[in-house]
Amino acid sequence: MSSQLTLVVYSRAKPGMEEELGKRLLTLVEPSRAEEGCISYDIHQSNDDPAVWMAYENWRSENDLALHFTMPYLRAFADRKDEVLAEPLDIRKFSIKS
């Protein structure tokens, strides 16, 4: 069985902060993709509600994801997230079962 882990993270911007949230999320893409354990890392914006953003990430293992959460650029985002988020991040983990 694969130890690969998929992370889906939903975020909702405060009114008027939709583009700023997107800008901040997009700065995480390049360094995250460069991490050894990152398989894919993509940011999406809802077609129906521009305040809703989603990160779709695939990681080689739970350990790689744990290391990702310690990265300075992710810590910097987390430290300032309340400036742009209307509600807490909705973080969901999935495992491949096929």
PDB file of N, CA and C in Angstrom:
ATOM      1  N   MET A   1       0.843  -1.186   0.000  1.00  0.00           N
ATOM      2  CA  MET A   1       0.000   0.000   0.000  1.00  0.00           C
ATOM      3  C   MET A   1       0.889   1.251   0.000  1.00  0.00           C
ATOM      4  N   SER A   2       0.507   2.241  -0.745  1.00  0.00           N
ATOM      5  CA  SER A   2       1.265   3.489  -0.859  1.00  0.00           C
ATOM      6  C   SER A   2       1.162   4.312   0.419  1.00  0.00           C
ATOM      7  N   SER A   3       2.258   4.987   0.751  1.00  0.00           N
ATOM      8  CA  SER A   3       2.224   5.902   1.897  1.00  0.00           C
ATOM      9  C   SER A   3       1.948   7.335   1.442  1.00  0.00           C
ATOM     10  N   GLN A   4       1.697   7.482   0.128  1.00  0.00           N
ATOM     11  CA  GLN A   4       1.419   8.815  -0.412  1.00  0.00           C
ATOM     12  C   GLN A   4       0.209   9.417   0.284  1.00  0.00           C
ATOM     13  N   LEU A   5       0.290  10.727   0.511  1.00  0.00           N
ATOM     14  CA  LEU A   5      -0.758  11.445   1.211  1.00  0.00           C
ATOM     15  C   LEU A   5      -1.222  12.622   0.359  1.00  0.00           C
ATOM     16  N   THR A   6      -2.529  12.786   0.260  1.00  0.00           N
ATOM     17  CA  THR A   6      -3.100  13.940  -0.436  1.00  0.00           C
ATOM     18  C   THR A   6      -3.683  14.874   0.603  1.00  0.00           C
ATOM     19  N   LEU A   7      -3.391  16.139   0.431  1.00  0.00           N
ATOM     20  CA  LEU A   7      -3.906  17.165   1.327  1.00  0.00           C
ATOM     21  C   LEU A   7      -4.761  18.116   0.496  1.00  0.00           C
ATOM     22  N   VAL A   8      -5.978  18.378   0.967  1.00  0.00           N
ATOM     23  CA  VAL A   8      -6.858  19.357   0.341  1.00  0.00           C
ATOM     24  C   VAL A   8      -7.148  20.405   1.418  1.00  0.00           C
ATOM     25  N   VAL A   9      -6.796  21.647   1.118  1.00  0.00           N
ATOM     26  CA  VAL A   9      -6.947  22.723   2.099  1.00  0.00           C
ATOM     27  C   VAL A   9      -7.846  23.798   1.502  1.00  0.00           C
ATOM     28  N   TYR A  10      -8.971  24.045   2.158  1.00  0.00           N
ATOM     29  CA  TYR A  10      -9.901  25.094   1.733  1.00  0.00           C
ATOM     30  C   TYR A  10      -9.675  26.331   2.586  1.00  0.00           C
ATOM     31  N   SER A  11      -9.705  27.478   1.936  1.00  0.00           N
ATOM     32  CA  SER A  11      -9.577  28.740   2.667  1.00  0.00           C
ATOM     33  C   SER A  11     -10.571  29.746   2.109  1.00  0.00           C
ATOM     34  N   ARG A  12     -11.081  30.604   2.997  1.00  0.00           N
ATOM     35  CA  ARG A  12     -12.032  31.642   2.601  1.00  0.00           C
ATOM     36  C   ARG A  12     -11.450  32.989   3.001  1.00  0.00           C
ATOM     37  N   ALA A  13     -11.364  33.882   2.017  1.00  0.00           N
ATOM     38  CA  ALA A  13     -10.822  35.220   2.260  1.00  0.00           C
ATOM     39  C   ALA A  13     -11.842  36.119   2.934  1.00  0.00           C
ATOM     40  N   LYS A  14     -11.320  37.045   3.716  1.00  0.00           N
ATOM     41  CA  LYS A  14     -12.167  38.111   4.243  1.00  0.00           C
ATOM     42  C   LYS A  14     -12.664  38.943   3.074  1.00  0.00           C
ATOM     43  N   PRO A  15     -13.825  39.591   3.192  1.00  0.00           N
ATOM     44  CA  PRO A  15     -14.301  40.457   2.110  1.00  0.00           C
ATOM     45  C   PRO A  15     -13.236  41.491   1.725  1.00  0.00           C
ATOM     46  N   GLY A  16     -12.990  41.592   0.440  1.00  0.00           N
ATOM     47  CA  GLY A  16     -11.996  42.525  -0.074  1.00  0.00           C
ATOM     48  C   GLY A  16     -10.573  41.996  -0.063  1.00  0.00           C
ATOM     49  N   MET A  17     -10.363  40.798   0.490  1.00  0.00           N
ATOM     50  CA  MET A  17      -9.017  40.222   0.581  1.00  0.00           C
ATOM     51  C   MET A  17      -8.839  39.005  -0.337  1.00  0.00           C
ATOM     52  N   GLU A  18      -9.777  38.818  -1.264  1.00  0.00           N
ATOM     53  CA  GLU A  18      -9.746  37.639  -2.132  1.00  0.00           C
ATOM     54  C   GLU A  18      -8.437  37.537  -2.926  1.00  0.00           C
ATOM     55  N   GLU A  19      -8.063  38.629  -3.570  1.00  0.00           N
ATOM     56  CA  GLU A  19      -6.851  38.601  -4.389  1.00  0.00           C
ATOM     57  C   GLU A  19      -5.588  38.540  -3.532  1.00  0.00           C
ATOM     58  N   GLU A  20      -5.607  39.193  -2.397  1.00  0.00           N
ATOM     59  CA  GLU A  20      -4.438  39.148  -1.501  1.00  0.00           C
ATOM     60  C   GLU A  20      -4.210  37.734  -0.983  1.00  0.00           C
ATOM     61  N   LEU A  21      -5.283  37.045  -0.613  1.00  0.00           N
ATOM     62  CA  LEU A  21      -5.139  35.664  -0.174  1.00  0.00           C
ATOM     63  C   LEU A  21      -4.558  34.824  -1.306  1.00  0.00           C
ATOM     64  N   GLY A  22      -5.088  34.991  -2.501  1.00  0.00           N
ATOM     65  CA  GLY A  22      -4.570  34.247  -3.648  1.00  0.00           C
ATOM     66  C   GLY A  22      -3.099  34.518  -3.884  1.00  0.00           C
ATOM     67  N   LYS A  23      -2.715  35.779  -3.800  1.00  0.00           N
ATOM     68  CA  LYS A  23      -1.312  36.159  -3.992  1.00  0.00           C
ATOM     69  C   LYS A  23      -0.421  35.451  -2.968  1.00  0.00           C
ATOM     70  N   ARG A  24      -0.845  35.444  -1.723  1.00  0.00           N
ATOM     71  CA  ARG A  24      -0.059  34.797  -0.666  1.00  0.00           C
ATOM     72  C   ARG A  24       0.014  33.283  -0.862  1.00  0.00           C
ATOM     73  N   LEU A  25      -1.108  32.680  -1.252  1.00  0.00           N
ATOM     74  CA  LEU A  25      -1.110  31.241  -1.492  1.00  0.00           C
ATOM     75  C   LEU A  25      -0.198  30.880  -2.659  1.00  0.00           C
ATOM     76  N   LEU A  26      -0.236  31.680  -3.701  1.00  0.00           N
ATOM     77  CA  LEU A  26       0.579  31.384  -4.883  1.00  0.00           C
ATOM     78  C   LEU A  26       2.071  31.488  -4.601  1.00  0.00           C
ATOM     79  N   THR A  27       2.476  32.291  -3.609  1.00  0.00           N
ATOM     80  CA  THR A  27       3.903  32.368  -3.269  1.00  0.00           C
ATOM     81  C   THR A  27       4.396  31.077  -2.616  1.00  0.00           C
ATOM     82  N   LEU A  28       3.486  30.224  -2.170  1.00  0.00           N
ATOM     83  CA  LEU A  28       3.868  28.959  -1.545  1.00  0.00           C
ATOM     84  C   LEU A  28       4.148  27.859  -2.570  1.00  0.00           C
ATOM     85  N   VAL A  29       3.690  28.043  -3.805  1.00  0.00           N
ATOM     86  CA  VAL A  29       3.756  26.973  -4.798  1.00  0.00           C
ATOM     87  C   VAL A  29       5.187  26.578  -5.136  1.00  0.00           C
ATOM     88  N   GLU A  30       5.988  27.518  -5.589  1.00  0.00           N
ATOM     89  CA  GLU A  30       7.333  27.189  -6.067  1.00  0.00           C
ATOM     90  C   GLU A  30       8.204  26.540  -4.983  1.00  0.00           C
ATOM     91  N   PRO A  31       8.297  27.141  -3.773  1.00  0.00           N
ATOM     92  CA  PRO A  31       9.134  26.487  -2.764  1.00  0.00           C
ATOM     93  C   PRO A  31       8.579  25.140  -2.305  1.00  0.00           C
ATOM     94  N   SER A  32       7.261  24.998  -2.275  1.00  0.00           N
ATOM     95  CA  SER A  32       6.672  23.716  -1.875  1.00  0.00           C
ATOM     96  C   SER A  32       6.989  22.638  -2.901  1.00  0.00           C
ATOM     97  N   ARG A  33       6.855  22.971  -4.182  1.00  0.00           N
ATOM     98  CA  ARG A  33       7.161  22.005  -5.238  1.00  0.00           C
ATOM     99  C   ARG A  33       8.632  21.593  -5.222  1.00  0.00           C
ATOM    100  N   ALA A  34       9.491  22.454  -4.711  1.00  0.00           N
ATOM    101  CA  ALA A  34      10.925  22.156  -4.652  1.00  0.00           C
ATOM    102  C   ALA A  34      11.287  21.224  -3.505  1.00  0.00           C
ATOM    103  N   GLU A  35      10.379  21.021  -2.567  1.00  0.00           N
ATOM    104  CA  GLU A  35      10.655  20.112  -1.449  1.00  0.00           C
ATOM    105  C   GLU A  35      10.757  18.681  -1.970  1.00  0.00           C
ATOM    106  N   GLU A  36      11.690  17.944  -1.414  1.00  0.00           N
ATOM    107  CA  GLU A  36      11.967  16.587  -1.874  1.00  0.00           C
ATOM    108  C   GLU A  36      10.744  15.678  -1.844  1.00  0.00           C
ATOM    109  N   GLY A  37       9.907  15.806  -0.824  1.00  0.00           N
ATOM    110  CA  GLY A  37       8.758  14.916  -0.678  1.00  0.00           C
ATOM    111  C   GLY A  37       7.498  15.353  -1.393  1.00  0.00           C
ATOM    112  N   CYS A  38       7.550  16.497  -2.084  1.00  0.00           N
ATOM    113  CA  CYS A  38       6.367  17.009  -2.774  1.00  0.00           C
ATOM    114  C   CYS A  38       6.200  16.341  -4.133  1.00  0.00           C
ATOM    115  N   ILE A  39       5.050  15.753  -4.358  1.00  0.00           N
ATOM    116  CA  ILE A  39       4.720  15.153  -5.653  1.00  0.00           C
ATOM    117  C   ILE A  39       4.023  16.192  -6.530  1.00  0.00           C
ATOM    118  N   SER A  40       3.083  16.921  -5.953  1.00  0.00           N
ATOM    119  CA  SER A  40       2.403  18.006  -6.671  1.00  0.00           C
ATOM    120  C   SER A  40       1.841  18.990  -5.656  1.00  0.00           C
ATOM    121  N   TYR A  41       1.684  20.231  -6.123  1.00  0.00           N
ATOM    122  CA  TYR A  41       1.194  21.300  -5.243  1.00  0.00           C
ATOM    123  C   TYR A  41       0.538  22.336  -6.141  1.00  0.00           C
ATOM    124  N   ASP A  42      -0.775  22.457  -6.060  1.00  0.00           N
ATOM    125  CA  ASP A  42      -1.523  23.353  -6.945  1.00  0.00           C
ATOM    126  C   ASP A  42      -2.520  24.177  -6.144  1.00  0.00           C
ATOM    127  N   ILE A  43      -2.699  25.415  -6.566  1.00  0.00           N
ATOM    128  CA  ILE A  43      -3.650  26.332  -5.941  1.00  0.00           C
ATOM    129  C   ILE A  43      -4.796  26.584  -6.921  1.00  0.00           C
ATOM    130  N   HIS A  44      -6.016  26.528  -6.418  1.00  0.00           N
ATOM    131  CA  HIS A  44      -7.213  26.727  -7.234  1.00  0.00           C
ATOM    132  C   HIS A  44      -8.091  27.798  -6.589  1.00  0.00           C
ATOM    133  N   GLN A  45      -8.816  28.546  -7.432  1.00  0.00           N
ATOM    134  CA  GLN A  45      -9.811  29.498  -6.937  1.00  0.00           C
ATOM    135  C   GLN A  45     -11.177  29.043  -7.429  1.00  0.00           C
ATOM    136  N   SER A  46     -12.166  29.121  -6.558  1.00  0.00           N
ATOM    137  CA  SER A  46     -13.519  28.693  -6.897  1.00  0.00           C
ATOM    138  C   SER A  46     -14.072  29.499  -8.069  1.00  0.00           C
ATOM    139  N   ASN A  47     -14.733  28.822  -8.981  1.00  0.00           N
ATOM    140  CA  ASN A  47     -15.416  29.485 -10.093  1.00  0.00           C
ATOM    141  C   ASN A  47     -16.700  30.158  -9.636  1.00  0.00           C
ATOM    142  N   ASP A  48     -17.263  29.684  -8.516  1.00  0.00           N
ATOM    143  CA  ASP A  48     -18.544  30.189  -8.033  1.00  0.00           C
ATOM    144  C   ASP A  48     -18.416  31.255  -6.954  1.00  0.00           C
ATOM    145  N   ASP A  49     -17.313  31.229  -6.205  1.00  0.00           N
ATOM    146  CA  ASP A  49     -17.127  32.161  -5.099  1.00  0.00           C
ATOM    147  C   ASP A  49     -15.655  32.561  -5.053  1.00  0.00           C
ATOM    148  N   PRO A  50     -15.314  33.745  -5.521  1.00  0.00           N
ATOM    149  CA  PRO A  50     -13.907  34.147  -5.596  1.00  0.00           C
ATOM    150  C   PRO A  50     -13.215  34.250  -4.240  1.00  0.00           C
ATOM    151  N   ALA A  51     -13.957  34.192  -3.155  1.00  0.00           N
ATOM    152  CA  ALA A  51     -13.351  34.229  -1.820  1.00  0.00           C
ATOM    153  C   ALA A  51     -12.792  32.865  -1.406  1.00  0.00           C
ATOM    154  N   VAL A  52     -13.193  31.804  -2.122  1.00  0.00           N
ATOM    155  CA  VAL A  52     -12.802  30.450  -1.747  1.00  0.00           C
ATOM    156  C   VAL A  52     -11.622  29.987  -2.601  1.00  0.00           C
ATOM    157  N   TRP A  53     -10.573  29.559  -1.910  1.00  0.00           N
ATOM    158  CA  TRP A  53      -9.362  29.036  -2.540  1.00  0.00           C
ATOM    159  C   TRP A  53      -9.126  27.623  -2.027  1.00  0.00           C
ATOM    160  N   MET A  54      -8.433  26.822  -2.837  1.00  0.00           N
ATOM    161  CA  MET A  54      -8.133  25.452  -2.443  1.00  0.00           C
ATOM    162  C   MET A  54      -6.697  25.126  -2.827  1.00  0.00           C
ATOM    163  N   ALA A  55      -5.995  24.501  -1.908  1.00  0.00           N
ATOM    164  CA  ALA A  55      -4.681  23.932  -2.218  1.00  0.00           C
ATOM    165  C   ALA A  55      -4.878  22.425  -2.354  1.00  0.00           C
ATOM    166  N   TYR A  56      -4.359  21.875  -3.440  1.00  0.00           N
ATOM    167  CA  TYR A  56      -4.418  20.427  -3.674  1.00  0.00           C
ATOM    168  C   TYR A  56      -2.974  19.945  -3.733  1.00  0.00           C
ATOM    169  N   GLU A  57      -2.595  19.139  -2.747  1.00  0.00           N
ATOM    170  CA  GLU A  57      -1.206  18.749  -2.583  1.00  0.00           C
ATOM    171  C   GLU A  57      -1.075  17.237  -2.488  1.00  0.00           C
ATOM    172  N   ASN A  58      -0.012  16.709  -3.058  1.00  0.00           N
ATOM    173  CA  ASN A  58       0.310  15.294  -2.905  1.00  0.00           C
ATOM    174  C   ASN A  58       1.724  15.183  -2.363  1.00  0.00           C
ATOM    175  N   TRP A  59       1.860  14.397  -1.296  1.00  0.00           N
ATOM    176  CA  TRP A  59       3.132  14.234  -0.603  1.00  0.00           C
ATOM    177  C   TRP A  59       3.516  12.768  -0.574  1.00  0.00           C
ATOM    178  N   ARG A  60       4.800  12.521  -0.621  1.00  0.00           N
ATOM    179  CA  ARG A  60       5.331  11.162  -0.648  1.00  0.00           C
ATOM    180  C   ARG A  60       4.959  10.398   0.626  1.00  0.00           C
ATOM    181  N   SER A  61       4.920  11.100   1.770  1.00  0.00           N
ATOM    182  CA  SER A  61       4.617  10.427   3.037  1.00  0.00           C
ATOM    183  C   SER A  61       4.152  11.441   4.069  1.00  0.00           C
ATOM    184  N   GLU A  62       3.639  10.938   5.161  1.00  0.00           N
ATOM    185  CA  GLU A  62       3.231  11.775   6.295  1.00  0.00           C
ATOM    186  C   GLU A  62       4.445  12.539   6.843  1.00  0.00           C
ATOM    187  N   ASN A  63       5.608  11.899   6.862  1.00  0.00           N
ATOM    188  CA  ASN A  63       6.822  12.564   7.339  1.00  0.00           C
ATOM    189  C   ASN A  63       7.192  13.751   6.461  1.00  0.00           C
ATOM    190  N   ASP A  64       7.043  13.598   5.146  1.00  0.00           N
ATOM    191  CA  ASP A  64       7.333  14.707   4.230  1.00  0.00           C
ATOM    192  C   ASP A  64       6.372  15.862   4.457  1.00  0.00           C
ATOM    193  N   LEU A  65       5.115  15.553   4.708  1.00  0.00           N
ATOM    194  CA  LEU A  65       4.131  16.599   4.996  1.00  0.00           C
ATOM    195  C   LEU A  65       4.472  17.303   6.317  1.00  0.00           C
ATOM    196  N   ALA A  66       4.854  16.534   7.311  1.00  0.00           N
ATOM    197  CA  ALA A  66       5.230  17.123   8.601  1.00  0.00           C
ATOM    198  C   ALA A  66       6.415  18.065   8.436  1.00  0.00           C
ATOM    199  N   LEU A  67       7.382  17.676   7.625  1.00  0.00           N
ATOM    200  CA  LEU A  67       8.533  18.538   7.358  1.00  0.00           C
ATOM    201  C   LEU A  67       8.093  19.809   6.627  1.00  0.00           C
ATOM    202  N   HIS A  68       7.164  19.672   5.702  1.00  0.00           N
ATOM    203  CA  HIS A  68       6.626  20.820   4.961  1.00  0.00           C
ATOM    204  C   HIS A  68       6.072  21.871   5.919  1.00  0.00           C
ATOM    205  N   PHE A  69       5.367  21.424   6.954  1.00  0.00           N
ATOM    206  CA  PHE A  69       4.757  22.359   7.910  1.00  0.00           C
ATOM    207  C   PHE A  69       5.783  23.135   8.727  1.00  0.00           C
ATOM    208  N   THR A  70       7.042  22.699   8.718  1.00  0.00           N
ATOM    209  CA  THR A  70       8.098  23.409   9.455  1.00  0.00           C
ATOM    210  C   THR A  70       8.847  24.417   8.588  1.00  0.00           C
ATOM    211  N   MET A  71       8.564  24.455   7.299  1.00  0.00           N
ATOM    212  CA  MET A  71       9.309  25.332   6.391  1.00  0.00           C
ATOM    213  C   MET A  71       9.046  26.806   6.720  1.00  0.00           C
ATOM    214  N   PRO A  72      10.087  27.642   6.662  1.00  0.00           N
ATOM    215  CA  PRO A  72       9.943  29.058   7.023  1.00  0.00           C
ATOM    216  C   PRO A  72       8.873  29.796   6.223  1.00  0.00           C
ATOM    217  N   TYR A  73       8.752  29.525   4.928  1.00  0.00           N
ATOM    218  CA  TYR A  73       7.754  30.228   4.117  1.00  0.00           C
ATOM    219  C   TYR A  73       6.331  29.832   4.506  1.00  0.00           C
ATOM    220  N   LEU A  74       6.134  28.604   4.922  1.00  0.00           N
ATOM    221  CA  LEU A  74       4.799  28.179   5.363  1.00  0.00           C
ATOM    222  C   LEU A  74       4.503  28.736   6.759  1.00  0.00           C
ATOM    223  N   ARG A  75       5.522  28.764   7.619  1.00  0.00           N
ATOM    224  CA  ARG A  75       5.354  29.356   8.946  1.00  0.00           C
ATOM    225  C   ARG A  75       5.015  30.842   8.820  1.00  0.00           C
ATOM    226  N   ALA A  76       5.670  31.534   7.876  1.00  0.00           N
ATOM    227  CA  ALA A  76       5.397  32.960   7.671  1.00  0.00           C
ATOM    228  C   ALA A  76       3.953  33.168   7.221  1.00  0.00           C
ATOM    229  N   PHE A  77       3.468  32.304   6.316  1.00  0.00           N
ATOM    230  CA  PHE A  77       2.069  32.389   5.892  1.00  0.00           C
ATOM    231  C   PHE A  77       1.149  32.177   7.098  1.00  0.00           C
ATOM    232  N   ALA A  78       1.431  31.147   7.892  1.00  0.00           N
ATOM    233  CA  ALA A  78       0.591  30.822   9.049  1.00  0.00           C
ATOM    234  C   ALA A  78       0.578  31.962  10.065  1.00  0.00           C
ATOM    235  N   ASP A  79       1.714  32.599  10.260  1.00  0.00           N
ATOM    236  CA  ASP A  79       1.808  33.681  11.243  1.00  0.00           C
ATOM    237  C   ASP A  79       0.941  34.884  10.876  1.00  0.00           C
ATOM    238  N   ARG A  80       0.663  35.065   9.566  1.00  0.00           N
ATOM    239  CA  ARG A  80      -0.090  36.236   9.113  1.00  0.00           C
ATOM    240  C   ARG A  80      -1.445  35.875   8.489  1.00  0.00           C
ATOM    241  N   LYS A  81      -1.854  34.632   8.626  1.00  0.00           N
ATOM    242  CA  LYS A  81      -3.076  34.166   7.958  1.00  0.00           C
ATOM    243  C   LYS A  81      -4.330  34.894   8.407  1.00  0.00           C
ATOM    244  N   ASP A  82      -4.379  35.321   9.669  1.00  0.00           N
ATOM    245  CA  ASP A  82      -5.582  35.979  10.188  1.00  0.00           C
ATOM    246  C   ASP A  82      -5.836  37.337   9.535  1.00  0.00           C
ATOM    247  N   GLU A  83      -4.833  37.899   8.884  1.00  0.00           N
ATOM    248  CA  GLU A  83      -5.013  39.162   8.164  1.00  0.00           C
ATOM    249  C   GLU A  83      -5.945  38.995   6.960  1.00  0.00           C
ATOM    250  N   VAL A  84      -5.950  37.794   6.366  1.00  0.00           N
ATOM    251  CA  VAL A  84      -6.689  37.586   5.120  1.00  0.00           C
ATOM    252  C   VAL A  84      -7.790  36.529   5.193  1.00  0.00           C
ATOM    253  N   LEU A  85      -7.752  35.661   6.197  1.00  0.00           N
ATOM    254  CA  LEU A  85      -8.730  34.576   6.272  1.00  0.00           C
ATOM    255  C   LEU A  85      -9.972  34.970   7.056  1.00  0.00           C
ATOM    256  N   ALA A  86     -11.132  34.623   6.511  1.00  0.00           N
ATOM    257  CA  ALA A  86     -12.407  34.893   7.171  1.00  0.00           C
ATOM    258  C   ALA A  86     -12.731  33.826   8.212  1.00  0.00           C
ATOM    259  N   GLU A  87     -12.118  32.652   8.076  1.00  0.00           N
ATOM    260  CA  GLU A  87     -12.379  31.529   8.975  1.00  0.00           C
ATOM    261  C   GLU A  87     -11.147  30.634   8.989  1.00  0.00           C
ATOM    262  N   PRO A  88     -11.061  29.711   9.937  1.00  0.00           N
ATOM    263  CA  PRO A  88      -9.898  28.820   9.986  1.00  0.00           C
ATOM    264  C   PRO A  88      -9.775  27.987   8.711  1.00  0.00           C
ATOM    265  N   LEU A  89      -8.548  27.623   8.383  1.00  0.00           N
ATOM    266  CA  LEU A  89      -8.310  26.729   7.246  1.00  0.00           C
ATOM    267  C   LEU A  89      -9.032  25.404   7.480  1.00  0.00           C
ATOM    268  N   ASP A  90      -9.576  24.848   6.424  1.00  0.00           N
ATOM    269  CA  ASP A  90     -10.223  23.532   6.468  1.00  0.00           C
ATOM    270  C   ASP A  90      -9.247  22.561   5.809  1.00  0.00           C
ATOM    271  N   ILE A  91      -8.502  21.818   6.630  1.00  0.00           N
ATOM    272  CA  ILE A  91      -7.447  20.926   6.143  1.00  0.00           C
ATOM    273  C   ILE A  91      -7.944  19.495   6.202  1.00  0.00           C
ATOM    274  N   ARG A  92      -7.898  18.814   5.046  1.00  0.00           N
ATOM    275  CA  ARG A  92      -8.368  17.435   4.965  1.00  0.00           C
ATOM    276  C   ARG A  92      -7.280  16.561   4.357  1.00  0.00           C
ATOM    277  N   LYS A  93      -7.020  15.421   4.990  1.00  0.00           N
ATOM    278  CA  LYS A  93      -6.015  14.468   4.508  1.00  0.00           C
ATOM    279  C   LYS A  93      -6.707  13.259   3.898  1.00  0.00           C
ATOM    280  N   PHE A  94      -6.136  12.777   2.794  1.00  0.00           N
ATOM    281  CA  PHE A  94      -6.662  11.612   2.108  1.00  0.00           C
ATOM    282  C   PHE A  94      -5.523  10.657   1.796  1.00  0.00           C
ATOM    283  N   SER A  95      -5.842   9.359   1.779  1.00  0.00           N
ATOM    284  CA  SER A  95      -4.878   8.326   1.407  1.00  0.00           C
ATOM    285  C   SER A  95      -5.413   7.559   0.211  1.00  0.00           C
ATOM    286  N   ILE A  96      -4.513   7.155  -0.672  1.00  0.00           N
ATOM    287  CA  ILE A  96      -4.890   6.362  -1.848  1.00  0.00           C
ATOM    288  C   ILE A  96      -5.291   4.962  -1.399  1.00  0.00           C
ATOM    289  N   LYS A  97      -6.369   4.469  -1.928  1.00  0.00           N
ATOM    290  CA  LYS A  97      -6.858   3.139  -1.559  1.00  0.00           C
ATOM    291  C   LYS A  97      -6.913   2.175  -2.745  1.00  0.00           C
ATOM    292  N   SER A  98      -6.460   2.600  -3.908  1.00  0.00           N
ATOM    293  CA  SER A  98      -6.534   1.697  -5.073  1.00  0.00           C
ATOM    294  C   SER A  98      -5.251   0.942  -5.273  1.00  0.00           C
TER     295      SER A  98
END
